[in-house]
Amino acid sequence: MRGPRRNVAPPSRSWPRHRDRRGCPASASHLGVSWTRPTPIPLSPLLSPRSSLAAACALRSSPVIVDERSAGFFALGAAQAGGDPVALLCTSGTALVNYHPAVVEADESGIPLLVLSADRPPELRGIGAGQTIDQIKSFGSSVRWFCEVGTHVADDSGLLHYRSVACRALAAAHGETRPGPVHLNLPWREPLAPLPVEGAVTATDPLALKGRDGRPLTAVTHIDLEPSAFLLDEVAGHIGNAIAGVIVAGRQLDPELREPLAHLARVAGFPILADPTSQLRCGPHDRSHVIAAYDLLLRDERFARSVVPDLILRFGAMPTSKPLRAWIEASDADQIVIDPYGGWNEPTNRAAAILRADPTELASGWAARVEGLEGRERPLPDRWTEAEGEVQAALDEALAAAEISEPALHRALGAAHRDGDLVYTSSSMPIRDQEAFLAASESDVLFLSNRGANGIDGLVSSGIGAAQASGRPTTIVTGDLGLLHDIGGLGALRDVETPVRIVVIDNDGGGIFHFLPQEAALENDEFEALLGTPRGVDAAKAGALFDLPHRRLESLRDLPEALAAGTGLIEVKTDRRTNAEAHRALTARVHEALPR
């Protein structure tokens, strides 16, 4: 006789069948799992070929990352590079709270994540049961939506509840206003594993299968961000009347913005002060109006006073550069901030308007109207073009030698990037040096960073997640402390096929603090203990823990070969104090080259 049909009866096994349908407003593109209590989630979709996780979620892989903190940042990087929500699964207890740093960054950066936490059932909470904490609203205001999914019976009502929650969760992650993280708490009662039962179960009926052909159970429409004709006409008039307008391009991910913004800059005669993470400094688009050296230029007070703007159009987040922000704050310019998510992304507190509209549509519409008003393209002011040319020439000359320095490294990395590469850069000094010293180029590179909360933690995992999601050859740029923060993240490389090169700038501590007044105010031993924080990180030994190749650069001429070697650690030794002195000398040399 045949044995009993192997179906899934417990409610703990029916919910996952409905979490991952593409019929919802969006799909989750990756899945990470840790430990045993969440096993109903990843196992259930695999039981039926019709609900294949790969088909339902466009899944490249489902990595199992044992360190939840690393897994959170891996998912963050994957979602940032791929654009779709990434599902994070974990067991009950402290596993969940290890996701919190990544959830905070996702909230601040507008990155869609879907956190699914297994939990103990309500009757076991608050009585001392093992591996049980209060998981309700664990992430506070950092999530777009929280739901205690419940322990519903797998009848028609329960199935509809699960399907509705799944649709709402994915819609919330994409954002009614701004994308971000969503937390679903999933209490399970035992048994957690599949049980053989006789006959059919509700989880296999047509209601459970509805939506698997791509039709949503609940379709969610998004707010129309197409700008009105009035808005386009009104701002185009201001652009046409501006004498000294500028475009500030900060962190954003849409490469489709490149050409419309370049066209707007040409017809308006505006320079584009382009942060690398705006995707406008590098690429195959017209870069004739891109100013890459704005950070260095605006450190010179005489130059900054000579280019005071009367209109600022800002696309994307505010760039990192302090001189740029100070220049904006010191001006009386009308600043128009384009924020399609309707937030208040305006740290200068001086915006005349914050426009909630599609940036590409705005740039295209303004360009067409300004071109119609002028009948020709305005030239870029000589002050900007001459200064950009002089600074780039001075940097090329000063950094041309193969001698290693942190500014020279970022210059050399820029020259070594190839079309299709992805670069994930750490906060602190690496992101600032990239902004200051990376020259504009035609290389079609995707530049990413964790600049929502600006932490250095999780950078390695984020970069590896981005590599996994995008399939792009990836270069992660971090310091030795950044590597130490996320050394466990290296373990995820075993499941990533695309090359991931981790460039470790090892200055044995926190180099950024040598640029602050505290260095002069503290005795050397106090400074080193509190701020310098040398830890003696050995990148070679760190790599050896995970069988990763390691190479120490002795000359920047060897950088292209080191990158071409594929996955591994590339160590670049520098000295913190020497680096600070070199920055000051280089800035002075650049300013001497400026036309007066």
Protein backbone atom coordinates (compact mmCIF):
# COMPACT_ATOMS: atom_id res chain seq x y z
CA MET A 1 0.00 0.00 0.00
CA ARG A 2 1.05 3.53 -0.59
CA GLY A 3 1.95 5.59 2.43
CA PRO A 4 -0.04 8.66 3.40
CA ARG A 5 0.13 11.64 1.07
CA ARG A 6 2.78 14.09 2.21
CA ASN A 7 0.96 17.37 2.66
CA VAL A 8 1.44 20.23 5.06
CA ALA A 9 -1.20 20.66 7.71
CA PRO A 10 0.17 23.01 10.41
CA PRO A 11 -0.55 26.74 9.99
CA SER A 12 3.16 27.31 10.55
CA ARG A 13 3.75 25.67 7.18
CA SER A 14 0.97 27.33 5.17
CA TRP A 15 1.94 30.98 5.68
CA PRO A 16 5.23 30.73 3.74
CA ARG A 17 3.44 29.45 0.65
CA HIS A 18 1.83 32.85 0.31
CA ARG A 19 4.64 35.11 1.39
CA ASP A 20 6.66 34.79 -1.79
CA ARG A 21 4.12 35.08 -4.61
CA ARG A 22 5.05 37.38 -7.47
CA GLY A 23 1.34 38.16 -7.60
CA CYS A 24 1.91 40.68 -4.82
CA PRO A 25 2.84 44.26 -5.74
CA ALA A 26 6.52 43.31 -5.86
CA SER A 27 8.74 40.37 -5.18
CA ALA A 28 11.51 39.69 -2.74
CA SER A 29 14.68 39.03 -4.67
CA HIS A 30 16.90 37.21 -2.20
CA LEU A 31 16.43 35.08 0.88
CA GLY A 32 18.72 34.54 3.86
CA VAL A 33 18.09 31.97 6.59
CA SER A 34 19.46 31.34 10.07
CA TRP A 35 18.82 28.41 12.39
CA THR A 36 15.83 26.15 13.03
CA ARG A 37 12.68 27.93 14.19
CA PRO A 38 12.16 29.68 10.82
CA THR A 39 12.40 26.43 8.86
CA PRO A 40 8.70 26.59 7.87
CA ILE A 41 9.48 29.73 5.87
CA PRO A 42 12.24 28.57 3.51
CA LEU A 43 11.16 24.95 3.23
CA SER A 44 7.51 25.34 2.38
CA PRO A 45 7.83 27.11 -0.99
CA LEU A 46 10.20 24.41 -2.16
CA LEU A 47 7.65 21.63 -1.63
CA SER A 48 5.73 22.49 -4.79
CA PRO A 49 7.31 23.03 -8.21
CA ARG A 50 4.56 25.55 -8.93
CA SER A 51 5.74 27.67 -6.03
CA SER A 52 9.43 27.44 -6.82
CA LEU A 53 11.28 30.09 -4.86
CA ALA A 54 13.54 30.79 -7.81
CA ALA A 55 10.59 31.46 -10.10
CA ALA A 56 8.57 33.40 -7.56
CA CYS A 57 11.31 35.67 -6.34
CA ALA A 58 13.71 35.97 -9.29
CA LEU A 59 16.16 34.49 -6.83
CA ARG A 60 19.85 34.40 -7.67
CA SER A 61 20.54 32.36 -4.54
CA SER A 62 19.39 31.86 -0.97
CA PRO A 63 22.55 32.23 1.10
CA VAL A 64 22.64 30.97 4.67
CA ILE A 65 24.65 33.45 6.76
CA VAL A 66 25.12 32.33 10.35
CA ASP A 67 25.93 35.81 11.72
CA GLU A 68 22.66 37.75 11.67
CA ARG A 69 24.40 41.12 11.87
CA SER A 70 26.37 40.29 8.74
CA ALA A 71 23.25 38.84 7.09
CA GLY A 72 21.40 42.11 7.67
CA PHE A 73 24.03 44.15 5.89
CA PHE A 74 24.38 41.54 3.14
CA ALA A 75 20.66 41.98 2.46
CA LEU A 76 21.02 45.76 2.60
CA GLY A 77 23.71 45.72 -0.09
CA ALA A 78 21.75 43.26 -2.21
CA ALA A 79 18.62 45.41 -2.05
CA GLN A 80 20.54 48.58 -2.85
CA ALA A 81 22.19 47.01 -5.89
CA GLY A 82 19.16 45.06 -7.09
CA GLY A 83 16.34 47.48 -6.31
CA ASP A 84 13.86 44.88 -5.04
CA PRO A 85 13.07 44.06 -1.40
CA VAL A 86 15.33 41.38 0.05
CA ALA A 87 13.89 38.92 2.57
CA LEU A 88 15.77 38.29 5.82
CA LEU A 89 14.81 35.27 7.92
CA CYS A 90 15.93 34.53 11.46
CA THR A 91 15.09 32.48 14.50
CA SER A 92 13.60 33.83 17.71
CA GLY A 93 15.53 35.61 20.45
CA THR A 94 18.58 37.81 20.09
CA ALA A 95 19.03 36.80 16.45
CA LEU A 96 16.47 39.43 15.47
CA VAL A 97 18.07 42.38 17.25
CA ASN A 98 21.31 41.75 15.36
CA TYR A 99 19.47 42.97 12.26
CA HIS A 100 18.88 46.37 13.86
CA PRO A 101 21.95 48.24 12.50
CA ALA A 102 21.11 47.20 8.94
CA VAL A 103 17.44 48.09 9.45
CA VAL A 104 18.44 51.56 10.64
CA GLU A 105 20.64 52.08 7.56
CA ALA A 106 17.86 50.79 5.30
CA ASP A 107 15.45 53.25 6.90
CA GLU A 108 17.78 56.22 6.51
CA SER A 109 18.82 55.29 2.97
CA GLY A 110 15.38 54.27 1.71
CA ILE A 111 16.37 50.66 0.93
CA PRO A 112 13.58 48.02 0.84
CA LEU A 113 14.04 45.09 3.24
CA LEU A 114 11.60 42.43 4.43
CA VAL A 115 12.49 41.03 7.87
CA LEU A 116 10.68 37.81 8.80
CA SER A 117 11.38 36.76 12.37
CA ALA A 118 10.27 33.45 13.80
CA ASP A 119 8.88 33.72 17.32
CA ARG A 120 7.53 31.58 20.12
CA PRO A 121 3.73 31.38 20.30
CA PRO A 122 1.96 33.81 22.64
CA GLU A 123 1.40 31.24 25.40
CA LEU A 124 5.19 30.84 25.83
CA ARG A 125 6.04 34.52 26.08
CA GLY A 126 6.90 36.22 29.35
CA ILE A 127 7.09 33.00 31.38
CA GLY A 128 10.78 32.19 31.09
CA ALA A 129 10.56 29.92 28.04
CA GLY A 130 13.86 29.47 26.25
CA GLN A 131 14.96 31.67 23.36
CA THR A 132 12.02 34.00 23.93
CA ILE A 133 12.19 37.80 24.06
CA ASP A 134 9.73 40.59 23.32
CA GLN A 135 9.96 40.85 19.52
CA ILE A 136 6.95 43.13 19.05
CA LYS A 137 7.98 46.31 17.23
CA SER A 138 11.65 45.53 17.87
CA PHE A 139 12.81 48.17 15.37
CA GLY A 140 10.60 50.99 16.60
CA SER A 141 10.07 53.78 14.07
CA SER A 142 12.76 52.45 11.70
CA VAL A 143 10.32 50.22 9.79
CA ARG A 144 7.63 51.25 7.34
CA TRP A 145 5.26 48.64 8.76
CA PHE A 146 5.23 46.03 11.52
CA CYS A 147 2.82 43.10 11.69
CA GLU A 148 2.39 40.35 14.26
CA VAL A 149 1.18 37.84 11.69
CA GLY A 150 -0.53 35.53 14.17
CA THR A 151 -1.03 31.79 14.49
CA HIS A 152 -4.04 31.39 12.24
CA VAL A 153 -5.54 28.10 11.18
CA ALA A 154 -4.89 27.25 7.53
CA ASP A 155 -8.52 27.58 6.51
CA ASP A 156 -9.91 29.99 3.90
CA SER A 157 -9.86 32.91 6.33
CA GLY A 158 -6.31 32.17 7.41
CA LEU A 159 -5.07 31.84 3.85
CA LEU A 160 -6.62 35.15 2.86
CA HIS A 161 -5.00 36.76 5.89
CA TYR A 162 -1.58 35.42 4.97
CA ARG A 163 -1.94 36.51 1.35
CA SER A 164 -3.11 39.97 2.33
CA VAL A 165 -0.25 40.43 4.79
CA ALA A 166 2.27 39.35 2.14
CA CYS A 167 0.92 41.85 -0.40
CA ARG A 168 0.82 44.68 2.12
CA ALA A 169 4.34 43.92 3.38
CA LEU A 170 5.88 44.07 -0.08
CA ALA A 171 3.93 47.21 -0.95
CA ALA A 172 5.11 48.85 2.28
CA ALA A 173 8.73 47.88 1.60
CA HIS A 174 8.53 49.56 -1.79
CA GLY A 175 7.07 52.50 0.05
CA GLU A 176 3.87 54.48 -0.20
CA THR A 177 6.18 57.47 0.09
CA ARG A 178 9.70 56.11 0.63
CA PRO A 179 11.07 52.55 0.37
CA GLY A 180 12.37 50.97 3.54
CA PRO A 181 12.33 47.98 5.88
CA VAL A 182 9.24 46.02 6.95
CA HIS A 183 9.10 43.61 9.89
CA LEU A 184 6.78 40.60 10.02
CA ASN A 185 6.86 38.62 13.28
CA LEU A 186 5.83 34.98 12.77
CA PRO A 187 5.01 32.94 15.88
CA TRP A 188 5.21 29.18 15.27
CA ARG A 189 3.81 26.34 17.30
CA GLU A 190 5.34 22.92 17.04
CA PRO A 191 5.51 20.81 14.95
CA LEU A 192 7.80 22.86 12.76
CA ALA A 193 8.65 20.11 10.28
CA PRO A 194 6.34 18.66 7.58
CA LEU A 195 3.85 16.08 8.81
CA PRO A 196 2.22 13.38 6.66
CA VAL A 197 -1.57 13.76 6.64
CA GLU A 198 -4.33 11.92 4.81
CA GLY A 199 -6.14 13.61 1.93
CA ALA A 200 -6.06 17.17 0.71
CA VAL A 201 -5.40 20.19 2.87
CA THR A 202 -6.57 23.75 2.44
CA ALA A 203 -3.08 24.92 1.51
CA THR A 204 -3.39 23.13 -1.84
CA ASP A 205 -6.77 24.48 -2.90
CA PRO A 206 -7.30 27.14 -5.60
CA LEU A 207 -7.47 29.94 -3.03
CA ALA A 208 -3.95 29.14 -1.88
CA LEU A 209 -2.70 29.06 -5.46
CA LYS A 210 -4.40 32.26 -6.62
CA GLY A 211 -1.93 34.79 -7.94
CA ARG A 212 0.78 32.36 -8.94
CA ASP A 213 0.42 33.24 -12.61
CA GLY A 214 1.45 36.83 -11.95
CA ARG A 215 -1.97 38.26 -11.01
CA PRO A 216 -1.94 39.89 -7.60
CA LEU A 217 -4.33 38.99 -4.84
CA THR A 218 -4.35 42.70 -4.02
CA ALA A 219 -2.94 45.21 -6.50
CA VAL A 220 -1.51 48.39 -5.00
CA THR A 221 -1.15 51.50 -7.11
CA HIS A 222 1.64 53.98 -6.47
CA ILE A 223 1.41 57.72 -6.24
CA ASP A 224 1.84 59.44 -9.61
CA LEU A 225 5.05 61.46 -9.50
CA GLU A 226 4.71 63.01 -12.95
CA PRO A 227 5.30 66.75 -12.56
CA SER A 228 2.55 69.15 -13.54
CA ALA A 229 2.93 71.55 -16.44
CA PHE A 230 2.64 74.42 -13.97
CA LEU A 231 5.55 73.11 -11.90
CA LEU A 232 7.69 72.61 -14.99
CA ASP A 233 6.91 76.09 -16.34
CA GLU A 234 7.38 77.83 -12.98
CA VAL A 235 10.83 76.40 -12.22
CA ALA A 236 11.98 76.62 -15.85
CA GLY A 237 11.39 80.36 -15.63
CA HIS A 238 13.65 80.57 -12.57
CA ILE A 239 16.32 78.50 -14.34
CA GLY A 240 16.16 80.75 -17.39
CA ASN A 241 16.55 83.88 -15.23
CA ALA A 242 19.41 82.53 -13.10
CA ILE A 243 22.79 84.18 -13.57
CA ALA A 244 24.86 81.74 -11.50
CA GLY A 245 22.88 78.54 -11.15
CA VAL A 246 24.35 75.16 -10.19
CA ILE A 247 23.16 71.57 -10.07
CA VAL A 248 24.20 69.55 -7.03
CA ALA A 249 23.94 65.80 -7.64
CA GLY A 250 24.10 63.60 -4.55
CA ARG A 251 23.62 59.92 -3.86
CA GLN A 252 20.97 58.31 -6.06
CA LEU A 253 20.77 55.04 -7.97
CA ASP A 254 18.94 55.73 -11.23
CA PRO A 255 21.27 55.75 -14.27
CA GLU A 256 18.35 57.03 -16.38
CA LEU A 257 18.82 60.45 -14.77
CA ARG A 258 22.24 60.92 -16.39
CA GLU A 259 21.28 62.13 -19.87
CA PRO A 260 18.32 64.36 -18.89
CA LEU A 261 20.39 66.08 -16.20
CA ALA A 262 23.35 66.51 -18.56
CA HIS A 263 20.96 68.03 -21.14
CA LEU A 264 19.54 70.42 -18.53
CA ALA A 265 23.04 71.48 -17.51
CA ARG A 266 23.95 72.21 -21.14
CA VAL A 267 20.92 74.33 -21.97
CA ALA A 268 21.03 76.20 -18.65
CA GLY A 269 24.81 76.64 -18.53
CA PHE A 270 24.89 75.15 -15.02
CA PRO A 271 27.80 73.09 -13.65
CA ILE A 272 26.94 69.71 -12.14
CA LEU A 273 28.72 69.23 -8.82
CA ALA A 274 28.56 65.44 -8.97
CA ASP A 275 29.18 63.16 -6.02
CA PRO A 276 30.42 59.75 -7.26
CA THR A 277 27.34 58.04 -5.80
CA SER A 278 25.09 60.26 -7.93
CA GLN A 279 26.12 58.00 -10.86
CA LEU A 280 26.82 61.23 -12.80
CA ARG A 281 30.55 61.70 -12.27
CA CYS A 282 31.38 58.58 -14.26
CA GLY A 283 29.56 57.01 -17.19
CA PRO A 284 29.05 57.13 -20.95
CA HIS A 285 26.82 60.22 -20.80
CA ASP A 286 27.85 63.80 -21.64
CA ARG A 287 30.12 64.93 -18.78
CA SER A 288 31.08 68.31 -20.25
CA HIS A 289 29.42 70.16 -17.35
CA VAL A 290 30.47 67.77 -14.57
CA ILE A 291 32.70 69.30 -11.91
CA ALA A 292 34.47 66.54 -9.99
CA ALA A 293 36.82 68.74 -7.94
CA TYR A 294 34.16 70.83 -6.19
CA ASP A 295 35.23 69.67 -2.72
CA LEU A 296 38.80 70.88 -3.24
CA LEU A 297 37.70 74.01 -5.11
CA LEU A 298 35.30 75.16 -2.42
CA ARG A 299 37.93 74.78 0.29
CA ASP A 300 39.56 77.84 -1.28
CA GLU A 301 37.69 80.84 0.14
CA ARG A 302 38.58 83.13 -2.74
CA PHE A 303 37.24 80.70 -5.30
CA ALA A 304 34.12 79.99 -3.23
CA ARG A 305 33.35 83.72 -3.07
CA SER A 306 33.82 84.07 -6.83
CA VAL A 307 31.13 81.50 -7.71
CA VAL A 308 28.34 82.39 -5.27
CA PRO A 309 25.15 80.82 -6.71
CA ASP A 310 21.74 82.42 -7.09
CA LEU A 311 19.91 79.15 -7.81
CA ILE A 312 20.70 75.61 -6.67
CA LEU A 313 18.94 72.54 -8.03
CA ARG A 314 19.72 69.53 -5.84
CA PHE A 315 19.05 65.99 -7.04
CA GLY A 316 19.66 63.09 -4.65
CA ALA A 317 20.97 63.18 -1.10
CA MET A 318 23.24 65.92 0.17
CA PRO A 319 26.84 65.02 -0.74
CA THR A 320 29.32 64.31 2.05
CA SER A 321 31.53 67.36 1.37
CA LYS A 322 31.58 69.86 4.26
CA PRO A 323 32.95 72.70 2.09
CA LEU A 324 30.03 72.21 -0.30
CA ARG A 325 27.48 72.34 2.49
CA ALA A 326 29.11 75.41 4.03
CA TRP A 327 29.09 77.12 0.61
CA ILE A 328 25.38 76.38 0.17
CA GLU A 329 24.59 77.61 3.68
CA ALA A 330 26.55 80.83 3.17
CA SER A 331 24.70 81.70 -0.02
CA ASP A 332 21.34 83.44 -0.39
CA ALA A 333 20.50 81.22 -3.34
CA ASP A 334 17.08 79.74 -3.87
CA GLN A 335 17.65 76.03 -3.30
CA ILE A 336 15.19 73.64 -4.92
CA VAL A 337 15.46 70.09 -3.58
CA ILE A 338 14.08 67.25 -5.69
CA ASP A 339 12.95 64.45 -3.37
CA PRO A 340 10.53 62.03 -5.05
CA TYR A 341 9.83 60.34 -1.71
CA GLY A 342 8.39 63.44 -0.10
CA GLY A 343 10.84 63.44 2.80
CA TRP A 344 12.71 66.34 4.31
CA ASN A 345 16.14 65.57 2.90
CA GLU A 346 17.47 69.05 3.53
CA PRO A 347 20.15 69.36 6.25
CA THR A 348 20.99 73.00 5.40
CA ASN A 349 17.48 74.16 6.44
CA ARG A 350 17.57 76.68 3.60
CA ALA A 351 15.50 75.10 0.84
CA ALA A 352 13.06 77.37 -0.94
CA ALA A 353 11.12 74.34 -2.18
CA ILE A 354 11.14 70.55 -1.89
CA LEU A 355 9.62 68.99 -4.98
CA ARG A 356 8.00 65.58 -4.79
CA ALA A 357 8.18 64.52 -8.41
CA ASP A 358 10.07 62.16 -10.69
CA PRO A 359 13.63 63.55 -11.06
CA THR A 360 14.06 62.32 -14.64
CA GLU A 361 10.75 63.86 -15.74
CA LEU A 362 11.66 67.13 -14.04
CA ALA A 363 15.10 67.34 -15.66
CA SER A 364 13.71 66.49 -19.10
CA GLY A 365 10.81 68.92 -18.80
CA TRP A 366 12.95 71.78 -17.55
CA ALA A 367 15.57 71.21 -20.26
CA ALA A 368 12.95 71.33 -23.01
CA ARG A 369 11.41 74.52 -21.67
CA VAL A 370 14.68 76.33 -21.00
CA GLU A 371 15.95 75.38 -24.45
CA GLY A 372 12.75 76.83 -25.91
CA LEU A 373 13.18 80.05 -23.95
CA GLU A 374 16.82 80.57 -24.84
CA GLY A 375 16.88 79.13 -28.33
CA ARG A 376 20.45 78.00 -27.69
CA GLU A 377 22.67 76.34 -25.11
CA ARG A 378 24.40 78.55 -22.58
CA PRO A 379 28.14 78.07 -22.12
CA LEU A 380 29.41 76.87 -18.77
CA PRO A 381 30.99 79.80 -16.89
CA ASP A 382 34.74 79.99 -17.49
CA ARG A 383 35.41 80.24 -13.77
CA TRP A 384 34.21 76.68 -13.25
CA THR A 385 35.73 75.12 -16.38
CA GLU A 386 39.15 76.70 -15.90
CA ALA A 387 39.30 75.79 -12.23
CA GLU A 388 38.24 72.19 -12.85
CA GLY A 389 40.89 71.81 -15.53
CA GLU A 390 43.64 73.32 -13.38
CA VAL A 391 42.79 71.21 -10.35
CA GLN A 392 42.61 67.95 -12.28
CA ALA A 393 45.96 68.72 -13.94
CA ALA A 394 47.52 69.53 -10.57
CA LEU A 395 46.19 66.30 -9.08
CA ASP A 396 47.47 64.26 -12.03
CA GLU A 397 50.91 65.77 -11.62
CA ALA A 398 51.05 65.45 -7.84
CA LEU A 399 49.72 61.90 -7.73
CA ALA A 400 51.32 60.52 -10.89
CA ALA A 401 54.13 58.77 -9.04
CA ALA A 402 53.67 55.17 -8.01
CA GLU A 403 54.26 56.15 -4.38
CA ILE A 404 51.37 55.02 -2.20
CA SER A 405 49.15 57.54 -0.45
CA GLU A 406 45.45 57.50 0.29
CA PRO A 407 44.58 60.27 -2.22
CA ALA A 408 46.73 58.56 -4.86
CA LEU A 409 45.02 55.24 -4.19
CA HIS A 410 41.57 56.67 -4.93
CA ARG A 411 42.90 58.34 -8.06
CA ALA A 412 44.40 55.03 -9.19
CA LEU A 413 41.25 53.09 -8.37
CA GLY A 414 39.25 55.47 -10.55
CA ALA A 415 41.58 54.84 -13.47
CA ALA A 416 41.36 51.07 -12.93
CA HIS A 417 37.55 50.81 -12.93
CA ARG A 418 36.00 49.11 -15.94
CA ASP A 419 32.53 49.22 -17.48
CA GLY A 420 30.11 47.17 -15.42
CA ASP A 421 32.10 47.37 -12.19
CA LEU A 422 30.48 48.06 -8.82
CA VAL A 423 32.34 50.02 -6.14
CA TYR A 424 31.14 49.92 -2.53
CA THR A 425 32.94 52.50 -0.40
CA SER A 426 33.11 52.78 3.38
CA SER A 427 32.12 55.84 5.34
CA SER A 428 34.73 57.87 7.23
CA MET A 429 37.86 58.68 5.17
CA PRO A 430 37.36 56.39 2.12
CA ILE A 431 34.10 58.03 1.01
CA ARG A 432 35.57 61.51 1.53
CA ASP A 433 38.72 60.74 -0.41
CA GLN A 434 36.66 59.21 -3.21
CA GLU A 435 34.58 62.39 -3.40
CA ALA A 436 37.65 64.63 -3.42
CA PHE A 437 40.06 62.75 -5.68
CA LEU A 438 38.07 60.56 -8.09
CA ALA A 439 38.26 62.07 -11.57
CA ALA A 440 35.30 62.03 -13.94
CA SER A 441 35.53 59.27 -16.54
CA GLU A 442 33.50 57.41 -19.15
CA SER A 443 33.62 54.13 -17.22
CA ASP A 444 30.10 52.90 -16.54
CA VAL A 445 30.49 52.10 -12.85
CA LEU A 446 27.87 51.77 -10.10
CA PHE A 447 29.02 53.58 -6.94
CA LEU A 448 27.32 52.55 -3.69
CA SER A 449 27.79 53.36 -0.01
CA ASN A 450 25.99 53.19 3.33
CA ARG A 451 25.47 56.93 3.81
CA GLY A 452 22.07 56.88 5.48
CA ALA A 453 23.37 56.50 9.01
CA ASN A 454 27.01 56.85 7.89
CA GLY A 455 28.38 53.94 9.91
CA ILE A 456 31.44 51.90 8.97
CA ASP A 457 29.91 48.70 10.34
CA GLY A 458 28.66 46.05 7.94
CA LEU A 459 30.47 47.50 4.93
CA VAL A 460 32.10 44.22 3.87
CA SER A 461 28.81 42.33 4.07
CA SER A 462 26.98 45.11 2.21
CA GLY A 463 29.47 45.02 -0.63
CA ILE A 464 29.33 41.24 -0.90
CA GLY A 465 25.52 41.36 -0.93
CA ALA A 466 25.62 43.96 -3.70
CA ALA A 467 27.98 41.75 -5.71
CA GLN A 468 25.71 38.74 -5.27
CA ALA A 469 22.58 40.65 -6.30
CA SER A 470 24.07 42.48 -9.27
CA GLY A 471 26.54 39.94 -10.63
CA ARG A 472 28.94 42.84 -11.22
CA PRO A 473 32.68 42.60 -10.54
CA THR A 474 32.89 44.43 -7.23
CA THR A 475 35.52 46.46 -5.40
CA ILE A 476 34.94 47.13 -1.71
CA VAL A 477 37.02 49.99 -0.29
CA THR A 478 37.37 50.09 3.48
CA GLY A 479 39.79 50.89 6.27
CA ASP A 480 41.33 48.44 8.71
CA LEU A 481 38.77 49.32 11.39
CA GLY A 482 35.95 48.82 8.89
CA LEU A 483 37.32 45.36 8.12
CA LEU A 484 37.60 44.58 11.82
CA HIS A 485 33.99 45.68 12.39
CA ASP A 486 32.74 43.17 9.81
CA ILE A 487 35.42 40.52 9.61
CA GLY A 488 32.79 37.77 9.86
CA GLY A 489 31.20 39.08 6.69
CA LEU A 490 34.07 37.57 4.70
CA GLY A 491 32.44 34.18 5.20
CA ALA A 492 29.70 35.04 2.69
CA LEU A 493 32.25 35.14 -0.14
CA ARG A 494 32.18 31.34 -0.38
CA ASP A 495 28.78 31.56 -2.09
CA VAL A 496 29.54 34.46 -4.45
CA GLU A 497 30.80 33.66 -7.93
CA THR A 498 31.45 37.19 -9.20
CA PRO A 499 34.88 38.68 -8.34
CA VAL A 500 34.92 40.66 -5.08
CA ARG A 501 38.11 42.62 -4.42
CA ILE A 502 38.38 44.09 -0.90
CA VAL A 503 40.82 46.99 -0.78
CA VAL A 504 41.88 47.51 2.85
CA ILE A 505 43.48 50.87 3.61
CA ASP A 506 45.46 49.89 6.70
CA ASN A 507 46.60 52.93 8.66
CA ASP A 508 46.17 51.09 11.97
CA GLY A 509 43.28 53.06 13.37
CA GLY A 510 40.99 55.99 12.77
CA GLY A 511 42.73 58.26 10.29
CA ILE A 512 39.87 60.75 10.04
CA PHE A 513 40.47 62.03 13.58
CA HIS A 514 43.81 63.53 12.57
CA PHE A 515 41.82 66.12 10.61
CA LEU A 516 39.92 67.27 13.71
CA PRO A 517 40.90 69.81 16.42
CA GLN A 518 41.04 67.03 19.01
CA GLU A 519 44.43 65.92 17.71
CA ALA A 520 46.05 69.16 18.84
CA ALA A 521 44.03 69.30 22.07
CA LEU A 522 45.01 65.85 23.36
CA GLU A 523 48.31 64.36 24.39
CA ASN A 524 49.49 61.70 21.99
CA ASP A 525 48.75 58.77 24.31
CA GLU A 526 45.27 60.15 25.03
CA PHE A 527 44.60 60.68 21.35
CA GLU A 528 45.72 57.18 20.43
CA ALA A 529 43.69 55.55 23.19
CA LEU A 530 40.47 57.47 22.52
CA LEU A 531 40.51 58.33 18.83
CA GLY A 532 43.47 56.78 17.03
CA THR A 533 42.46 53.34 18.36
CA PRO A 534 45.23 51.23 16.77
CA ARG A 535 44.26 47.56 16.71
CA GLY A 536 47.02 45.91 14.73
CA VAL A 537 44.64 44.29 12.25
CA ASP A 538 46.44 41.75 10.07
CA ALA A 539 44.56 41.61 6.78
CA ALA A 540 46.51 38.55 5.63
CA LYS A 541 45.48 36.55 8.69
CA ALA A 542 41.90 37.77 8.36
CA GLY A 543 41.82 36.48 4.80
CA ALA A 544 43.43 33.20 5.79
CA LEU A 545 40.55 32.48 8.18
CA PHE A 546 38.32 32.19 5.12
CA ASP A 547 40.90 30.84 2.63
CA LEU A 548 40.97 34.16 0.78
CA PRO A 549 43.99 35.30 -1.24
CA HIS A 550 45.84 38.31 0.14
CA ARG A 551 48.17 40.75 -1.55
CA ARG A 552 49.96 43.78 -0.14
CA LEU A 553 50.51 46.60 -2.61
CA GLU A 554 54.03 47.99 -2.68
CA SER A 555 53.36 50.24 -5.67
CA LEU A 556 50.20 51.65 -7.24
CA ARG A 557 51.46 50.37 -10.58
CA ASP A 558 50.51 46.91 -9.30
CA LEU A 559 46.89 47.88 -8.59
CA PRO A 560 45.37 46.84 -11.96
CA GLU A 561 47.03 43.43 -11.72
CA ALA A 562 45.82 42.99 -8.14
CA LEU A 563 42.25 43.83 -9.12
CA ALA A 564 42.39 41.53 -12.13
CA ALA A 565 43.40 38.62 -9.89
CA GLY A 566 39.81 38.34 -8.67
CA THR A 567 38.34 37.73 -5.25
CA GLY A 568 40.66 38.48 -2.35
CA LEU A 569 42.05 41.13 -0.03
CA ILE A 570 44.32 43.89 -1.33
CA GLU A 571 46.13 45.56 1.55
CA VAL A 572 47.42 49.13 1.23
CA LYS A 573 49.61 50.28 4.13
CA THR A 574 49.59 54.00 5.03
CA ASP A 575 50.48 56.13 8.03
CA ARG A 576 47.75 58.24 9.64
CA ARG A 577 49.82 61.30 10.49
CA THR A 578 51.68 61.27 7.20
CA ASN A 579 48.35 60.97 5.43
CA ALA A 580 46.92 64.05 7.16
CA GLU A 581 50.02 66.06 6.27
CA ALA A 582 49.85 64.85 2.67
CA HIS A 583 46.22 65.95 2.40
CA ARG A 584 47.05 69.44 3.62
CA ALA A 585 50.03 69.76 1.30
CA LEU A 586 48.01 68.49 -1.66
CA THR A 587 45.18 70.93 -0.95
CA ALA A 588 47.65 73.82 -0.79
CA ARG A 589 49.25 72.73 -4.06
CA VAL A 590 45.87 72.54 -5.77
CA HIS A 591 44.88 76.00 -4.57
CA GLU A 592 48.14 77.45 -5.87
CA ALA A 593 47.17 76.17 -9.30
CA LEU A 594 43.83 77.98 -9.34
CA PRO A 595 43.49 80.94 -11.70
CA ARG A 596 43.34 84.22 -9.79
